[in-house]
Amino acid sequence: KAILIIILLTISGCGAGVSTETAKKPTS
């Protein structure tokens, strides 16, 4: 159970960053 919780927390934490594909870039 502890390992499963650590894996789930690690996976969910990885998605918190902003990807370069979805970040709004200033328009040209």
PDB file of all heavy atoms in Angstrom:
ATOM      1  N   LYS A   1       0.829  -1.205   0.000  1.00  0.00           N
ATOM      2  CA  LYS A   1       0.000   0.000   0.000  1.00  0.00           C
ATOM      3  C   LYS A   1       0.864   1.255   0.000  1.00  0.00           C
ATOM      4  O   LYS A   1       0.577   2.218  -0.710  1.00  0.00           O
ATOM      5  CB  LYS A   1      -0.914   0.009   1.224  1.00  0.00           C
ATOM      6  CG  LYS A   1      -2.183  -0.708   1.048  1.00  0.00           C
ATOM      7  CD  LYS A   1      -3.035  -0.472   2.268  1.00  0.00           C
ATOM      8  CE  LYS A   1      -4.349  -1.174   2.164  1.00  0.00           C
ATOM      9  NZ  LYS A   1      -5.159  -0.987   3.343  1.00  0.00           N
ATOM     10  N   ALA A   2       1.916   1.256   0.783  1.00  0.00           N
ATOM     11  CA  ALA A   2       2.803   2.421   0.865  1.00  0.00           C
ATOM     12  C   ALA A   2       3.492   2.686  -0.464  1.00  0.00           C
ATOM     13  O   ALA A   2       3.614   3.827  -0.907  1.00  0.00           O
ATOM     14  CB  ALA A   2       3.826   2.225   1.983  1.00  0.00           C
ATOM     15  N   ILE A   3       3.936   1.620  -1.126  1.00  0.00           N
ATOM     16  CA  ILE A   3       4.597   1.773  -2.425  1.00  0.00           C
ATOM     17  C   ILE A   3       3.596   2.292  -3.452  1.00  0.00           C
ATOM     18  O   ILE A   3       3.909   3.170  -4.248  1.00  0.00           O
ATOM     19  CB  ILE A   3       5.229   0.430  -2.866  1.00  0.00           C
ATOM     20  CG1 ILE A   3       6.404   0.084  -1.954  1.00  0.00           C
ATOM     21  CG2 ILE A   3       5.688   0.496  -4.313  1.00  0.00           C
ATOM     22  CD1 ILE A   3       7.025  -1.265  -2.196  1.00  0.00           C
ATOM     23  N   LEU A   4       2.383   1.753  -3.430  1.00  0.00           N
ATOM     24  CA  LEU A   4       1.347   2.196  -4.352  1.00  0.00           C
ATOM     25  C   LEU A   4       1.024   3.681  -4.151  1.00  0.00           C
ATOM     26  O   LEU A   4       0.896   4.446  -5.112  1.00  0.00           O
ATOM     27  CB  LEU A   4       0.082   1.335  -4.173  1.00  0.00           C
ATOM     28  CG  LEU A   4      -1.070   1.631  -5.119  1.00  0.00           C
ATOM     29  CD1 LEU A   4      -0.653   1.488  -6.567  1.00  0.00           C
ATOM     30  CD2 LEU A   4      -2.253   0.746  -4.818  1.00  0.00           C
ATOM     31  N   ILE A   5       0.937   4.115  -2.905  1.00  0.00           N
ATOM     32  CA  ILE A   5       0.669   5.528  -2.601  1.00  0.00           C
ATOM     33  C   ILE A   5       1.809   6.401  -3.096  1.00  0.00           C
ATOM     34  O   ILE A   5       1.590   7.464  -3.710  1.00  0.00           O
ATOM     35  CB  ILE A   5       0.409   5.719  -1.094  1.00  0.00           C
ATOM     36  CG1 ILE A   5      -0.934   5.060  -0.729  1.00  0.00           C
ATOM     37  CG2 ILE A   5       0.410   7.188  -0.722  1.00  0.00           C
ATOM     38  CD1 ILE A   5      -1.225   5.034   0.747  1.00  0.00           C
ATOM     39  N   ILE A   6       3.029   5.988  -2.900  1.00  0.00           N
ATOM     40  CA  ILE A   6       4.199   6.762  -3.353  1.00  0.00           C
ATOM     41  C   ILE A   6       4.205   6.858  -4.872  1.00  0.00           C
ATOM     42  O   ILE A   6       4.450   7.925  -5.438  1.00  0.00           O
ATOM     43  CB  ILE A   6       5.513   6.132  -2.819  1.00  0.00           C
ATOM     44  CG1 ILE A   6       5.585   6.311  -1.301  1.00  0.00           C
ATOM     45  CG2 ILE A   6       6.729   6.732  -3.510  1.00  0.00           C
ATOM     46  CD1 ILE A   6       6.733   5.584  -0.645  1.00  0.00           C
ATOM     47  N   ILE A   7       3.872   5.754  -5.548  1.00  0.00           N
ATOM     48  CA  ILE A   7       3.836   5.761  -7.023  1.00  0.00           C
ATOM     49  C   ILE A   7       2.750   6.724  -7.509  1.00  0.00           C
ATOM     50  O   ILE A   7       2.976   7.528  -8.412  1.00  0.00           O
ATOM     51  CB  ILE A   7       3.625   4.338  -7.575  1.00  0.00           C
ATOM     52  CG1 ILE A   7       4.881   3.482  -7.317  1.00  0.00           C
ATOM     53  CG2 ILE A   7       3.304   4.366  -9.064  1.00  0.00           C
ATOM     54  CD1 ILE A   7       4.730   2.015  -7.657  1.00  0.00           C
ATOM     55  N   LEU A   8       1.558   6.661  -6.893  1.00  0.00           N
ATOM     56  CA  LEU A   8       0.462   7.544  -7.288  1.00  0.00           C
ATOM     57  C   LEU A   8       0.808   9.013  -7.051  1.00  0.00           C
ATOM     58  O   LEU A   8       0.516   9.876  -7.872  1.00  0.00           O
ATOM     59  CB  LEU A   8      -0.823   7.171  -6.549  1.00  0.00           C
ATOM     60  CG  LEU A   8      -1.486   5.862  -6.980  1.00  0.00           C
ATOM     61  CD1 LEU A   8      -2.678   5.534  -6.083  1.00  0.00           C
ATOM     62  CD2 LEU A   8      -1.931   5.952  -8.429  1.00  0.00           C
ATOM     63  N   LEU A   9       1.415   9.320  -5.928  1.00  0.00           N
ATOM     64  CA  LEU A   9       1.819  10.701  -5.645  1.00  0.00           C
ATOM     65  C   LEU A   9       2.870  11.181  -6.638  1.00  0.00           C
ATOM     66  O   LEU A   9       2.843  12.328  -7.087  1.00  0.00           O
ATOM     67  CB  LEU A   9       2.325  10.833  -4.206  1.00  0.00           C
ATOM     68  CG  LEU A   9       1.248  10.746  -3.121  1.00  0.00           C
ATOM     69  CD1 LEU A   9       1.911  10.742  -1.740  1.00  0.00           C
ATOM     70  CD2 LEU A   9       0.275  11.885  -3.232  1.00  0.00           C
ATOM     71  N   THR A  10       3.784  10.323  -6.991  1.00  0.00           N
ATOM     72  CA  THR A  10       4.839  10.687  -7.937  1.00  0.00           C
ATOM     73  C   THR A  10       4.236  10.959  -9.313  1.00  0.00           C
ATOM     74  O   THR A  10       4.569  11.943  -9.971  1.00  0.00           O
ATOM     75  CB  THR A  10       5.896   9.570  -8.021  1.00  0.00           C
ATOM     76  OG1 THR A  10       6.420   9.325  -6.723  1.00  0.00           O
ATOM     77  CG2 THR A  10       7.025   9.949  -8.969  1.00  0.00           C
ATOM     78  N   ILE A  11       3.329  10.096  -9.747  1.00  0.00           N
ATOM     79  CA  ILE A  11       2.701  10.262 -11.063  1.00  0.00           C
ATOM     80  C   ILE A  11       1.858  11.528 -11.104  1.00  0.00           C
ATOM     81  O   ILE A  11       1.936  12.321 -12.042  1.00  0.00           O
ATOM     82  CB  ILE A  11       1.848   9.030 -11.428  1.00  0.00           C
ATOM     83  CG1 ILE A  11       2.761   7.825 -11.668  1.00  0.00           C
ATOM     84  CG2 ILE A  11       0.994   9.303 -12.654  1.00  0.00           C
ATOM     85  CD1 ILE A  11       2.014   6.515 -11.851  1.00  0.00           C
ATOM     86  N   SER A  12       1.054  11.766 -10.069  1.00  0.00           N
ATOM     87  CA  SER A  12       0.206  12.952 -10.066  1.00  0.00           C
ATOM     88  C   SER A  12       1.025  14.230  -9.953  1.00  0.00           C
ATOM     89  O   SER A  12       0.659  15.261 -10.483  1.00  0.00           O
ATOM     90  CB  SER A  12      -0.843  12.878  -8.946  1.00  0.00           C
ATOM     91  OG  SER A  12      -0.216  12.917  -7.680  1.00  0.00           O
ATOM     92  N   GLY A  13       2.147  14.175  -9.301  1.00  0.00           N
ATOM     93  CA  GLY A  13       3.008  15.357  -9.173  1.00  0.00           C
ATOM     94  C   GLY A  13       3.691  15.714 -10.465  1.00  0.00           C
ATOM     95  O   GLY A  13       4.033  16.864 -10.713  1.00  0.00           O
ATOM     96  N   CYS A  14       3.901  14.745 -11.341  1.00  0.00           N
ATOM     97  CA  CYS A  14       4.589  15.003 -12.603  1.00  0.00           C
ATOM     98  C   CYS A  14       3.755  15.856 -13.540  1.00  0.00           C
ATOM     99  O   CYS A  14       4.271  16.569 -14.371  1.00  0.00           O
ATOM    100  CB  CYS A  14       4.938  13.685 -13.299  1.00  0.00           C
ATOM    101  SG  CYS A  14       6.265  12.803 -12.474  1.00  0.00           S
ATOM    102  N   GLY A  15       2.458  15.796 -13.438  1.00  0.00           N
ATOM    103  CA  GLY A  15       1.593  16.564 -14.330  1.00  0.00           C
ATOM    104  C   GLY A  15       1.403  17.997 -13.890  1.00  0.00           C
ATOM    105  O   GLY A  15       0.760  18.767 -14.564  1.00  0.00           O
ATOM    106  N   ALA A  16       1.960  18.413 -12.760  1.00  0.00           N
ATOM    107  CA  ALA A  16       1.734  19.756 -12.253  1.00  0.00           C
ATOM    108  C   ALA A  16       2.470  20.814 -13.052  1.00  0.00           C
ATOM    109  O   ALA A  16       2.087  21.969 -13.059  1.00  0.00           O
ATOM    110  CB  ALA A  16       2.149  19.845 -10.785  1.00  0.00           C
ATOM    111  N   GLY A  17       3.534  20.472 -13.747  1.00  0.00           N
ATOM    112  CA  GLY A  17       4.295  21.445 -14.531  1.00  0.00           C
ATOM    113  C   GLY A  17       3.540  21.832 -15.792  1.00  0.00           C
ATOM    114  O   GLY A  17       2.640  21.142 -16.245  1.00  0.00           O
ATOM    115  N   VAL A  18       3.893  22.969 -16.394  1.00  0.00           N
ATOM    116  CA  VAL A  18       3.264  23.446 -17.620  1.00  0.00           C
ATOM    117  C   VAL A  18       4.088  22.938 -18.787  1.00  0.00           C
ATOM    118  O   VAL A  18       5.298  23.138 -18.828  1.00  0.00           O
ATOM    119  CB  VAL A  18       3.200  24.994 -17.638  1.00  0.00           C
ATOM    120  CG1 VAL A  18       2.627  25.486 -18.940  1.00  0.00           C
ATOM    121  CG2 VAL A  18       2.411  25.493 -16.453  1.00  0.00           C
ATOM    122  N   SER A  19       3.438  22.259 -19.694  1.00  0.00           N
ATOM    123  CA  SER A  19       4.173  21.768 -20.850  1.00  0.00           C
ATOM    124  C   SER A  19       4.360  22.908 -21.835  1.00  0.00           C
ATOM    125  O   SER A  19       3.582  23.842 -21.898  1.00  0.00           O
ATOM    126  CB  SER A  19       3.421  20.610 -21.520  1.00  0.00           C
ATOM    127  OG  SER A  19       2.324  21.100 -22.256  1.00  0.00           O
ATOM    128  N   THR A  20       5.397  22.805 -22.650  1.00  0.00           N
ATOM    129  CA  THR A  20       5.671  23.846 -23.641  1.00  0.00           C
ATOM    130  C   THR A  20       4.630  23.835 -24.744  1.00  0.00           C
ATOM    131  O   THR A  20       4.449  24.829 -25.429  1.00  0.00           O
ATOM    132  CB  THR A  20       7.078  23.667 -24.249  1.00  0.00           C
ATOM    133  OG1 THR A  20       7.165  22.346 -24.805  1.00  0.00           O
ATOM    134  CG2 THR A  20       8.152  23.886 -23.209  1.00  0.00           C
ATOM    135  N   GLU A  21       3.922  22.738 -24.911  1.00  0.00           N
ATOM    136  CA  GLU A  21       2.912  22.658 -25.956  1.00  0.00           C
ATOM    137  C   GLU A  21       1.648  23.415 -25.572  1.00  0.00           C
ATOM    138  O   GLU A  21       0.953  23.933 -26.430  1.00  0.00           O
ATOM    139  CB  GLU A  21       2.583  21.196 -26.247  1.00  0.00           C
ATOM    140  CG  GLU A  21       3.780  20.475 -26.839  1.00  0.00           C
ATOM    141  CD  GLU A  21       3.634  18.969 -26.746  1.00  0.00           C
ATOM    142  OE1 GLU A  21       2.816  18.471 -25.957  1.00  0.00           O
ATOM    143  OE2 GLU A  21       4.371  18.300 -27.461  1.00  0.00           O
ATOM    144  N   THR A  22       1.315  23.495 -24.288  1.00  0.00           N
ATOM    145  CA  THR A  22       0.091  24.167 -23.889  1.00  0.00           C
ATOM    146  C   THR A  22       0.332  25.578 -23.366  1.00  0.00           C
ATOM    147  O   THR A  22      -0.608  26.301 -23.135  1.00  0.00           O
ATOM    148  CB  THR A  22      -0.657  23.350 -22.813  1.00  0.00           C
ATOM    149  OG1 THR A  22       0.202  23.190 -21.691  1.00  0.00           O
ATOM    150  CG2 THR A  22      -1.086  22.008 -23.357  1.00  0.00           C
ATOM    151  N   ALA A  23       1.579  25.965 -23.160  1.00  0.00           N
ATOM    152  CA  ALA A  23       1.866  27.309 -22.650  1.00  0.00           C
ATOM    153  C   ALA A  23       1.545  28.333 -23.732  1.00  0.00           C
ATOM    154  O   ALA A  23       1.816  28.121 -24.894  1.00  0.00           O
ATOM    155  CB  ALA A  23       3.330  27.418 -22.247  1.00  0.00           C
ATOM    156  N   LYS A  24       0.941  29.461 -23.326  1.00  0.00           N
ATOM    157  CA  LYS A  24       0.633  30.531 -24.277  1.00  0.00           C
ATOM    158  C   LYS A  24       1.909  31.315 -24.558  1.00  0.00           C
ATOM    159  O   LYS A  24       2.529  31.850 -23.657  1.00  0.00           O
ATOM    160  CB  LYS A  24      -0.442  31.445 -23.705  1.00  0.00           C
ATOM    161  CG  LYS A  24      -1.780  30.793 -23.657  1.00  0.00           C
ATOM    162  CD  LYS A  24      -2.827  31.791 -24.009  1.00  0.00           C
ATOM    163  CE  LYS A  24      -4.139  31.063 -24.084  1.00  0.00           C
ATOM    164  NZ  LYS A  24      -5.066  31.730 -24.892  1.00  0.00           N
ATOM    165  N   LYS A  25       2.256  31.361 -25.813  1.00  0.00           N
ATOM    166  CA  LYS A  25       3.411  32.131 -26.232  1.00  0.00           C
ATOM    167  C   LYS A  25       2.910  33.488 -26.717  1.00  0.00           C
ATOM    168  O   LYS A  25       1.822  33.586 -27.274  1.00  0.00           O
ATOM    169  CB  LYS A  25       4.141  31.416 -27.364  1.00  0.00           C
ATOM    170  CG  LYS A  25       4.756  30.111 -26.948  1.00  0.00           C
ATOM    171  CD  LYS A  25       5.445  29.461 -28.121  1.00  0.00           C
ATOM    172  CE  LYS A  25       5.994  28.100 -27.714  1.00  0.00           C
ATOM    173  NZ  LYS A  25       6.578  27.403 -28.835  1.00  0.00           N
ATOM    174  N   PRO A  26       3.698  34.553 -26.548  1.00  0.00           N
ATOM    175  CA  PRO A  26       3.284  35.857 -27.086  1.00  0.00           C
ATOM    176  C   PRO A  26       3.091  35.742 -28.598  1.00  0.00           C
ATOM    177  O   PRO A  26       3.865  35.083 -29.279  1.00  0.00           O
ATOM    178  CB  PRO A  26       4.455  36.782 -26.756  1.00  0.00           C
ATOM    179  CG  PRO A  26       5.177  36.109 -25.649  1.00  0.00           C
ATOM    180  CD  PRO A  26       4.958  34.636 -25.848  1.00  0.00           C
ATOM    181  N   THR A  27       2.073  36.376 -29.105  1.00  0.00           N
ATOM    182  CA  THR A  27       1.763  36.293 -30.520  1.00  0.00           C
ATOM    183  C   THR A  27       2.717  37.148 -31.351  1.00  0.00           C
ATOM    184  O   THR A  27       3.258  38.143 -30.877  1.00  0.00           O
ATOM    185  CB  THR A  27       0.303  36.725 -30.791  1.00  0.00           C
ATOM    186  OG1 THR A  27       0.060  36.637 -32.201  1.00  0.00           O
ATOM    187  CG2 THR A  27       0.029  38.130 -30.334  1.00  0.00           C
ATOM    188  N   SER A  28       2.904  36.735 -32.591  1.00  0.00           N
ATOM    189  CA  SER A  28       3.754  37.502 -33.502  1.00  0.00           C
ATOM    190  C   SER A  28       2.904  38.289 -34.502  1.00  0.00           C
ATOM    191  O   SER A  28       3.434  38.798 -35.485  1.00  0.00           O
ATOM    192  CB  SER A  28       4.708  36.562 -34.244  1.00  0.00           C
ATOM    193  OG  SER A  28       3.964  35.643 -35.018  1.00  0.00           O
TER     194      SER A  28
END
